[in-house]
PDB file of N, CA and C in Angstrom:
ATOM      1  N   MET A   1      -3.572   5.970   6.261  1.00  0.00           N
ATOM      2  CA  MET A   1      -4.343   4.963   5.552  1.00  0.00           C
ATOM      3  C   MET A   1      -4.852   5.505   4.219  1.00  0.00           C
ATOM      4  N   ASP A   2      -5.337   6.747   4.233  1.00  0.00           N
ATOM      5  CA  ASP A   2      -5.856   7.332   2.995  1.00  0.00           C
ATOM      6  C   ASP A   2      -4.765   7.462   1.934  1.00  0.00           C
ATOM      7  N   VAL A   3      -3.546   7.807   2.364  1.00  0.00           N
ATOM      8  CA  VAL A   3      -2.434   7.934   1.414  1.00  0.00           C
ATOM      9  C   VAL A   3      -2.142   6.590   0.775  1.00  0.00           C
ATOM     10  N   LEU A   4      -2.224   5.517   1.557  1.00  0.00           N
ATOM     11  CA  LEU A   4      -1.983   4.175   1.031  1.00  0.00           C
ATOM     12  C   LEU A   4      -3.023   3.818  -0.027  1.00  0.00           C
ATOM     13  N   VAL A   5      -4.281   4.096   0.240  1.00  0.00           N
ATOM     14  CA  VAL A   5      -5.349   3.799  -0.725  1.00  0.00           C
ATOM     15  C   VAL A   5      -5.129   4.593  -2.004  1.00  0.00           C
ATOM     16  N   ILE A   6      -4.800   5.867  -1.864  1.00  0.00           N
ATOM     17  CA  ILE A   6      -4.546   6.697  -3.048  1.00  0.00           C
ATOM     18  C   ILE A   6      -3.356   6.156  -3.836  1.00  0.00           C
ATOM     19  N   ALA A   7      -2.293   5.760  -3.132  1.00  0.00           N
ATOM     20  CA  ALA A   7      -1.103   5.240  -3.802  1.00  0.00           C
ATOM     21  C   ALA A   7      -1.401   3.953  -4.551  1.00  0.00           C
ATOM     22  N   LEU A   8      -2.238   3.104  -3.972  1.00  0.00           N
ATOM     23  CA  LEU A   8      -2.549   1.828  -4.612  1.00  0.00           C
ATOM     24  C   LEU A   8      -3.503   1.984  -5.788  1.00  0.00           C
ATOM     25  N   LEU A   9      -4.405   2.936  -5.703  1.00  0.00           N
ATOM     26  CA  LEU A   9      -5.427   3.079  -6.733  1.00  0.00           C
ATOM     27  C   LEU A   9      -5.106   4.153  -7.769  1.00  0.00           C
ATOM     28  N   GLY A  10      -4.268   5.095  -7.415  1.00  0.00           N
ATOM     29  CA  GLY A  10      -4.016   6.220  -8.299  1.00  0.00           C
ATOM     30  C   GLY A  10      -2.809   6.039  -9.190  1.00  0.00           C
ATOM     31  N   ASN A  11      -2.493   7.109  -9.884  1.00  0.00           N
ATOM     32  CA  ASN A  11      -1.304   7.179 -10.725  1.00  0.00           C
ATOM     33  C   ASN A  11      -0.098   7.188  -9.798  1.00  0.00           C
ATOM     34  N   GLN A  12       0.663   6.107  -9.772  1.00  0.00           N
ATOM     35  CA  GLN A  12       1.744   5.970  -8.793  1.00  0.00           C
ATOM     36  C   GLN A  12       2.817   7.044  -8.945  1.00  0.00           C
ATOM     37  N   GLU A  13       3.182   7.379 -10.156  1.00  0.00           N
ATOM     38  CA  GLU A  13       4.211   8.404 -10.340  1.00  0.00           C
ATOM     39  C   GLU A  13       3.728   9.748  -9.810  1.00  0.00           C
ATOM     40  N   GLY A  14       2.488  10.086 -10.120  1.00  0.00           N
ATOM     41  CA  GLY A  14       1.914  11.339  -9.628  1.00  0.00           C
ATOM     42  C   GLY A  14       1.835  11.379  -8.116  1.00  0.00           C
ATOM     43  N   VAL A  15       1.454  10.261  -7.517  1.00  0.00           N
ATOM     44  CA  VAL A  15       1.362  10.181  -6.057  1.00  0.00           C
ATOM     45  C   VAL A  15       2.740  10.355  -5.434  1.00  0.00           C
ATOM     46  N   LEU A  16       3.751   9.684  -5.980  1.00  0.00           N
ATOM     47  CA  LEU A  16       5.104   9.803  -5.437  1.00  0.00           C
ATOM     48  C   LEU A  16       5.642  11.227  -5.576  1.00  0.00           C
ATOM     49  N   LEU A  17       5.356  11.869  -6.690  1.00  0.00           N
ATOM     50  CA  LEU A  17       5.795  13.253  -6.871  1.00  0.00           C
ATOM     51  C   LEU A  17       5.108  14.177  -5.870  1.00  0.00           C
ATOM     52  N   ARG A  18       3.833  13.935  -5.619  1.00  0.00           N
ATOM     53  CA  ARG A  18       3.097  14.750  -4.644  1.00  0.00           C
ATOM     54  C   ARG A  18       3.643  14.532  -3.236  1.00  0.00           C
ATOM     55  N   ILE A  19       3.915  13.289  -2.872  1.00  0.00           N
ATOM     56  CA  ILE A  19       4.491  12.997  -1.556  1.00  0.00           C
ATOM     57  C   ILE A  19       5.848  13.685  -1.422  1.00  0.00           C
ATOM     58  N   SER A  20       6.631  13.660  -2.495  1.00  0.00           N
ATOM     59  CA  SER A  20       7.932  14.332  -2.500  1.00  0.00           C
ATOM     60  C   SER A  20       7.765  15.830  -2.254  1.00  0.00           C
ATOM     61  N   ASP A  21       6.774  16.436  -2.883  1.00  0.00           N
ATOM     62  CA  ASP A  21       6.510  17.863  -2.689  1.00  0.00           C
ATOM     63  C   ASP A  21       6.138  18.165  -1.240  1.00  0.00           C
ATOM     64  N   VAL A  22       5.324  17.313  -0.644  1.00  0.00           N
ATOM     65  CA  VAL A  22       4.903  17.508   0.749  1.00  0.00           C
ATOM     66  C   VAL A  22       6.101  17.383   1.693  1.00  0.00           C
ATOM     67  N   ILE A  23       6.946  16.378   1.461  1.00  0.00           N
ATOM     68  CA  ILE A  23       8.141  16.204   2.294  1.00  0.00           C
ATOM     69  C   ILE A  23       9.042  17.431   2.170  1.00  0.00           C
ATOM     70  N   GLU A  24       9.247  17.890   0.942  1.00  0.00           N
ATOM     71  CA  GLU A  24      10.101  19.054   0.728  1.00  0.00           C
ATOM     72  C   GLU A  24       9.537  20.285   1.438  1.00  0.00           C
ATOM     73  N   ALA A  25       8.230  20.506   1.342  1.00  0.00           N
ATOM     74  CA  ALA A  25       7.605  21.657   2.003  1.00  0.00           C
ATOM     75  C   ALA A  25       7.775  21.574   3.517  1.00  0.00           C
ATOM     76  N   ASN A  26       7.584  20.388   4.078  1.00  0.00           N
ATOM     77  CA  ASN A  26       7.747  20.215   5.528  1.00  0.00           C
ATOM     78  C   ASN A  26       9.192  20.455   5.958  1.00  0.00           C
ATOM     79  N   MET A  27      10.144  19.948   5.195  1.00  0.00           N
ATOM     80  CA  MET A  27      11.553  20.109   5.547  1.00  0.00           C
ATOM     81  C   MET A  27      12.004  21.566   5.418  1.00  0.00           C
ATOM     82  N   LYS A  28      11.414  22.305   4.476  1.00  0.00           N
ATOM     83  CA  LYS A  28      11.783  23.710   4.284  1.00  0.00           C
ATOM     84  C   LYS A  28      11.361  24.574   5.466  1.00  0.00           C
ATOM     85  N   MET A  29      10.446  24.084   6.295  1.00  0.00           N
ATOM     86  CA  MET A  29      10.055  24.831   7.491  1.00  0.00           C
ATOM     87  C   MET A  29      11.225  24.943   8.469  1.00  0.00           C
ATOM     88  N   GLN A  30      12.109  23.943   8.466  1.00  0.00           N
ATOM     89  CA  GLN A  30      13.267  23.959   9.357  1.00  0.00           C
ATOM     90  C   GLN A  30      14.542  24.414   8.649  1.00  0.00           C
ATOM     91  N   ASN A  31      14.620  24.180   7.335  1.00  0.00           N
ATOM     92  CA  ASN A  31      15.820  24.526   6.575  1.00  0.00           C
ATOM     93  C   ASN A  31      15.379  25.007   5.194  1.00  0.00           C
ATOM     94  N   GLU A  32      15.407  26.322   4.987  1.00  0.00           N
ATOM     95  CA  GLU A  32      14.894  26.899   3.741  1.00  0.00           C
ATOM     96  C   GLU A  32      15.649  26.435   2.497  1.00  0.00           C
ATOM     97  N   GLU A  33      16.870  25.949   2.669  1.00  0.00           N
ATOM     98  CA  GLU A  33      17.685  25.527   1.529  1.00  0.00           C
ATOM     99  C   GLU A  33      17.473  24.061   1.155  1.00  0.00           C
ATOM    100  N   PHE A  34      16.634  23.358   1.883  1.00  0.00           N
ATOM    101  CA  PHE A  34      16.425  21.931   1.627  1.00  0.00           C
ATOM    102  C   PHE A  34      15.749  21.717   0.272  1.00  0.00           C
ATOM    103  N   THR A  35      16.269  20.755  -0.497  1.00  0.00           N
ATOM    104  CA  THR A  35      15.604  20.330  -1.737  1.00  0.00           C
ATOM    105  C   THR A  35      15.653  18.805  -1.821  1.00  0.00           C
ATOM    106  N   MET A  36      14.609  18.234  -2.349  1.00  0.00           N
ATOM    107  CA  MET A  36      14.573  16.781  -2.517  1.00  0.00           C
ATOM    108  C   MET A  36      15.591  16.328  -3.564  1.00  0.00           C
ATOM    109  N   LYS A  37      15.914  17.207  -4.522  1.00  0.00           N
ATOM    110  CA  LYS A  37      16.890  16.859  -5.559  1.00  0.00           C
ATOM    111  C   LYS A  37      18.243  16.487  -4.977  1.00  0.00           C
ATOM    112  N   GLU A  38      18.589  17.095  -3.858  1.00  0.00           N
ATOM    113  CA  GLU A  38      19.895  16.865  -3.245  1.00  0.00           C
ATOM    114  C   GLU A  38      19.815  15.887  -2.077  1.00  0.00           C
ATOM    115  N   SER A  39      18.724  15.195  -1.962  1.00  0.00           N
ATOM    116  CA  SER A  39      18.521  14.285  -0.824  1.00  0.00           C
ATOM    117  C   SER A  39      18.620  12.835  -1.253  1.00  0.00           C
ATOM    118  N   TYR A  40      18.928  12.015  -0.284  1.00  0.00           N
ATOM    119  CA  TYR A  40      18.968  10.571  -0.493  1.00  0.00           C
ATOM    120  C   TYR A  40      17.908   9.938   0.400  1.00  0.00           C
ATOM    121  N   THR A  41      17.290   8.899  -0.094  1.00  0.00           N
ATOM    122  CA  THR A  41      16.261   8.205   0.675  1.00  0.00           C
ATOM    123  C   THR A  41      16.628   6.735   0.757  1.00  0.00           C
ATOM    124  N   TYR A  42      16.608   6.212   1.964  1.00  0.00           N
ATOM    125  CA  TYR A  42      16.896   4.797   2.183  1.00  0.00           C
ATOM    126  C   TYR A  42      15.858   4.208   3.112  1.00  0.00           C
ATOM    127  N   VAL A  43      15.594   2.952   2.925  1.00  0.00           N
ATOM    128  CA  VAL A  43      14.733   2.220   3.850  1.00  0.00           C
ATOM    129  C   VAL A  43      15.444   0.912   4.181  1.00  0.00           C
ATOM    130  N   LYS A  44      15.448   0.564   5.461  1.00  0.00           N
ATOM    131  CA  LYS A  44      16.065  -0.684   5.896  1.00  0.00           C
ATOM    132  C   LYS A  44      14.979  -1.525   6.562  1.00  0.00           C
ATOM    133  N   ILE A  45      14.918  -2.786   6.175  1.00  0.00           N
ATOM    134  CA  ILE A  45      13.908  -3.694   6.721  1.00  0.00           C
ATOM    135  C   ILE A  45      14.593  -4.920   7.285  1.00  0.00           C
ATOM    136  N   ASP A  46      14.283  -5.223   8.523  1.00  0.00           N
ATOM    137  CA  ASP A  46      14.699  -6.463   9.167  1.00  0.00           C
ATOM    138  C   ASP A  46      13.413  -7.164   9.588  1.00  0.00           C
ATOM    139  N   ALA A  47      13.179  -8.338   9.054  1.00  0.00           N
ATOM    140  CA  ALA A  47      11.923  -9.033   9.347  1.00  0.00           C
ATOM    141  C   ALA A  47      12.160 -10.518   9.563  1.00  0.00           C
ATOM    142  N   THR A  48      11.347 -11.088  10.424  1.00  0.00           N
ATOM    143  CA  THR A  48      11.332 -12.533  10.631  1.00  0.00           C
ATOM    144  C   THR A  48       9.895 -12.985  10.467  1.00  0.00           C
ATOM    145  N   LEU A  49       9.677 -13.888   9.545  1.00  0.00           N
ATOM    146  CA  LEU A  49       8.343 -14.416   9.281  1.00  0.00           C
ATOM    147  C   LEU A  49       8.288 -15.881   9.675  1.00  0.00           C
ATOM    148  N   GLU A  50       7.179 -16.282  10.217  1.00  0.00           N
ATOM    149  CA  GLU A  50       6.954 -17.696  10.484  1.00  0.00           C
ATOM    150  C   GLU A  50       5.691 -18.100   9.731  1.00  0.00           C
ATOM    151  N   VAL A  51       5.837 -19.052   8.827  1.00  0.00           N
ATOM    152  CA  VAL A  51       4.701 -19.500   8.021  1.00  0.00           C
ATOM    153  C   VAL A  51       4.568 -21.006   8.109  1.00  0.00           C
ATOM    154  N   LYS A  52       3.350 -21.465   7.998  1.00  0.00           N
ATOM    155  CA  LYS A  52       3.100 -22.896   8.019  1.00  0.00           C
ATOM    156  C   LYS A  52       3.571 -23.481   6.682  1.00  0.00           C
ATOM    157  N   PRO A  53       4.387 -24.521   6.737  1.00  0.00           N
ATOM    158  CA  PRO A  53       4.899 -25.090   5.486  1.00  0.00           C
ATOM    159  C   PRO A  53       3.804 -25.827   4.719  1.00  0.00           C
ATOM    160  N   ILE A  54       3.703 -25.538   3.447  1.00  0.00           N
ATOM    161  CA  ILE A  54       2.752 -26.250   2.596  1.00  0.00           C
ATOM    162  C   ILE A  54       3.547 -27.108   1.623  1.00  0.00           C
ATOM    163  N   LEU A  55       4.309 -26.459   0.754  1.00  0.00           N
ATOM    164  CA  LEU A  55       5.130 -27.196  -0.205  1.00  0.00           C
ATOM    165  C   LEU A  55       6.503 -27.535   0.357  1.00  0.00           C
ATOM    166  N   MET A  56       6.824 -27.002   1.520  1.00  0.00           N
ATOM    167  CA  MET A  56       8.156 -27.207   2.088  1.00  0.00           C
ATOM    168  C   MET A  56       8.412 -28.644   2.523  1.00  0.00           C
ATOM    169  N   THR A  57       7.392 -29.431   2.632  1.00  0.00           N
ATOM    170  CA  THR A  57       7.583 -30.819   3.056  1.00  0.00           C
ATOM    171  C   THR A  57       7.839 -31.757   1.880  1.00  0.00           C
ATOM    172  N   LEU A  58       7.853 -31.236   0.664  1.00  0.00           N
ATOM    173  CA  LEU A  58       8.125 -32.062  -0.507  1.00  0.00           C
ATOM    174  C   LEU A  58       9.605 -32.458  -0.523  1.00  0.00           C
ATOM    175  N   PRO A  59       9.936 -33.624  -1.098  1.00  0.00           N
ATOM    176  CA  PRO A  59      11.311 -34.138  -1.067  1.00  0.00           C
ATOM    177  C   PRO A  59      12.369 -33.166  -1.589  1.00  0.00           C
ATOM    178  N   PHE A  60      12.082 -32.415  -2.640  1.00  0.00           N
ATOM    179  CA  PHE A  60      13.107 -31.532  -3.197  1.00  0.00           C
ATOM    180  C   PHE A  60      13.435 -30.357  -2.269  1.00  0.00           C
ATOM    181  N   MET A  61      12.633 -30.145  -1.232  1.00  0.00           N
ATOM    182  CA  MET A  61      12.884 -29.075  -0.262  1.00  0.00           C
ATOM    183  C   MET A  61      13.358 -29.610   1.083  1.00  0.00           C
ATOM    184  N   ALA A  62      13.612 -30.910   1.172  1.00  0.00           N
ATOM    185  CA  ALA A  62      13.907 -31.546   2.463  1.00  0.00           C
ATOM    186  C   ALA A  62      15.075 -30.899   3.197  1.00  0.00           C
ATOM    187  N   GLU A  63      16.192 -30.686   2.515  1.00  0.00           N
ATOM    188  CA  GLU A  63      17.371 -30.124   3.188  1.00  0.00           C
ATOM    189  C   GLU A  63      17.095 -28.714   3.718  1.00  0.00           C
ATOM    190  N   GLU A  64      16.498 -27.885   2.901  1.00  0.00           N
ATOM    191  CA  GLU A  64      16.171 -26.511   3.311  1.00  0.00           C
ATOM    192  C   GLU A  64      15.153 -26.507   4.443  1.00  0.00           C
ATOM    193  N   THR A  65      14.181 -27.375   4.358  1.00  0.00           N
ATOM    194  CA  THR A  65      13.132 -27.436   5.381  1.00  0.00           C
ATOM    195  C   THR A  65      13.691 -27.866   6.720  1.00  0.00           C
ATOM    196  N   GLU A  66      14.538 -28.878   6.737  1.00  0.00           N
ATOM    197  CA  GLU A  66      15.099 -29.367   7.994  1.00  0.00           C
ATOM    198  C   GLU A  66      15.908 -28.288   8.702  1.00  0.00           C
ATOM    199  N   SER A  67      16.630 -27.475   7.959  1.00  0.00           N
ATOM    200  CA  SER A  67      17.449 -26.437   8.591  1.00  0.00           C
ATOM    201  C   SER A  67      16.609 -25.257   9.081  1.00  0.00           C
ATOM    202  N   ASN A  68      15.393 -25.110   8.583  1.00  0.00           N
ATOM    203  CA  ASN A  68      14.547 -23.987   8.976  1.00  0.00           C
ATOM    204  C   ASN A  68      13.341 -24.382   9.821  1.00  0.00           C
ATOM    205  N   LEU A  69      13.214 -25.646  10.140  1.00  0.00           N
ATOM    206  CA  LEU A  69      12.118 -26.108  11.000  1.00  0.00           C
ATOM    207  C   LEU A  69      12.697 -26.768  12.246  1.00  0.00           C
ATOM    208  N   PRO A  70      13.364 -26.003  13.089  1.00  0.00           N
ATOM    209  CA  PRO A  70      13.998 -26.597  14.269  1.00  0.00           C
ATOM    210  C   PRO A  70      12.977 -26.983  15.333  1.00  0.00           C
ATOM    211  N   GLY A  71      12.397 -28.160  15.206  1.00  0.00           N
ATOM    212  CA  GLY A  71      11.473 -28.673  16.208  1.00  0.00           C
ATOM    213  C   GLY A  71      10.113 -28.006  16.228  1.00  0.00           C
ATOM    214  N   SER A  72       9.728 -27.344  15.165  1.00  0.00           N
ATOM    215  CA  SER A  72       8.399 -26.731  15.142  1.00  0.00           C
ATOM    216  C   SER A  72       7.714 -27.071  13.828  1.00  0.00           C
ATOM    217  N   ASN A  73       6.464 -26.687  13.720  1.00  0.00           N
ATOM    218  CA  ASN A  73       5.708 -26.918  12.490  1.00  0.00           C
ATOM    219  C   ASN A  73       5.683 -25.667  11.620  1.00  0.00           C
ATOM    220  N   TRP A  74       6.491 -24.691  11.952  1.00  0.00           N
ATOM    221  CA  TRP A  74       6.499 -23.429  11.224  1.00  0.00           C
ATOM    222  C   TRP A  74       7.824 -23.247  10.501  1.00  0.00           C
ATOM    223  N   TYR A  75       7.768 -22.674   9.328  1.00  0.00           N
ATOM    224  CA  TYR A  75       8.950 -22.380   8.529  1.00  0.00           C
ATOM    225  C   TYR A  75       9.352 -20.931   8.824  1.00  0.00           C
ATOM    226  N   THR A  76      10.588 -20.709   9.211  1.00  0.00           N
ATOM    227  CA  THR A  76      11.062 -19.371   9.559  1.00  0.00           C
ATOM    228  C   THR A  76      11.848 -18.774   8.396  1.00  0.00           C
ATOM    229  N   ILE A  77      11.459 -17.577   8.022  1.00  0.00           N
ATOM    230  CA  ILE A  77      12.146 -16.851   6.959  1.00  0.00           C
ATOM    231  C   ILE A  77      12.667 -15.554   7.566  1.00  0.00           C
ATOM    232  N   LYS A  78      13.960 -15.314   7.436  1.00  0.00           N
ATOM    233  CA  LYS A  78      14.550 -14.066   7.921  1.00  0.00           C
ATOM    234  C   LYS A  78      14.934 -13.226   6.711  1.00  0.00           C
ATOM    235  N   TYR A  79      14.588 -11.954   6.761  1.00  0.00           N
ATOM    236  CA  TYR A  79      14.889 -11.045   5.658  1.00  0.00           C
ATOM    237  C   TYR A  79      15.546  -9.780   6.204  1.00  0.00           C
ATOM    238  N   ASN A  80      16.641  -9.403   5.600  1.00  0.00           N
ATOM    239  CA  ASN A  80      17.305  -8.135   5.899  1.00  0.00           C
ATOM    240  C   ASN A  80      17.562  -7.461   4.561  1.00  0.00           C
ATOM    241  N   GLY A  81      17.101  -6.256   4.416  1.00  0.00           N
ATOM    242  CA  GLY A  81      17.319  -5.572   3.148  1.00  0.00           C
ATOM    243  C   GLY A  81      17.399  -4.070   3.311  1.00  0.00           C
ATOM    244  N   MET A  82      18.079  -3.449   2.356  1.00  0.00           N
ATOM    245  CA  MET A  82      18.167  -1.998   2.329  1.00  0.00           C
ATOM    246  C   MET A  82      18.052  -1.552   0.879  1.00  0.00           C
ATOM    247  N   GLN A  83      17.247  -0.544   0.663  1.00  0.00           N
ATOM    248  CA  GLN A  83      17.031  -0.014  -0.685  1.00  0.00           C
ATOM    249  C   GLN A  83      17.120   1.502  -0.593  1.00  0.00           C
ATOM    250  N   GLY A  84      17.726   2.105  -1.570  1.00  0.00           N
ATOM    251  CA  GLY A  84      17.832   3.554  -1.543  1.00  0.00           C
ATOM    252  C   GLY A  84      17.816   4.145  -2.935  1.00  0.00           C
ATOM    253  N   TYR A  85      17.554   5.422  -2.977  1.00  0.00           N
ATOM    254  CA  TYR A  85      17.581   6.151  -4.238  1.00  0.00           C
ATOM    255  C   TYR A  85      17.868   7.618  -3.955  1.00  0.00           C
ATOM    256  N   ASN A  86      18.187   8.331  -4.984  1.00  0.00           N
ATOM    257  CA  ASN A  86      18.502   9.750  -4.861  1.00  0.00           C
ATOM    258  C   ASN A  86      17.529  10.518  -5.706  1.00  0.00           C
TER     259      ASN A  86
END
């Protein structure tokens, strides 16, 4: 939790560099040759959200709303994503 607060309130680049240093130090305990420079980082997110429709009932959204409101009052949003960097 504290890391999140620091990341949100602090210098983001500095925080990310510090986190990178900590990860590298931890990984070097098991493999002395490990470097973050030669590493790849990926995150994959699969999420399903259900939200109460507010603007979804307007006429211009009718087709999309009908396909995502199968007999309920909630709008279902499915998200699958992957992001990575080196």
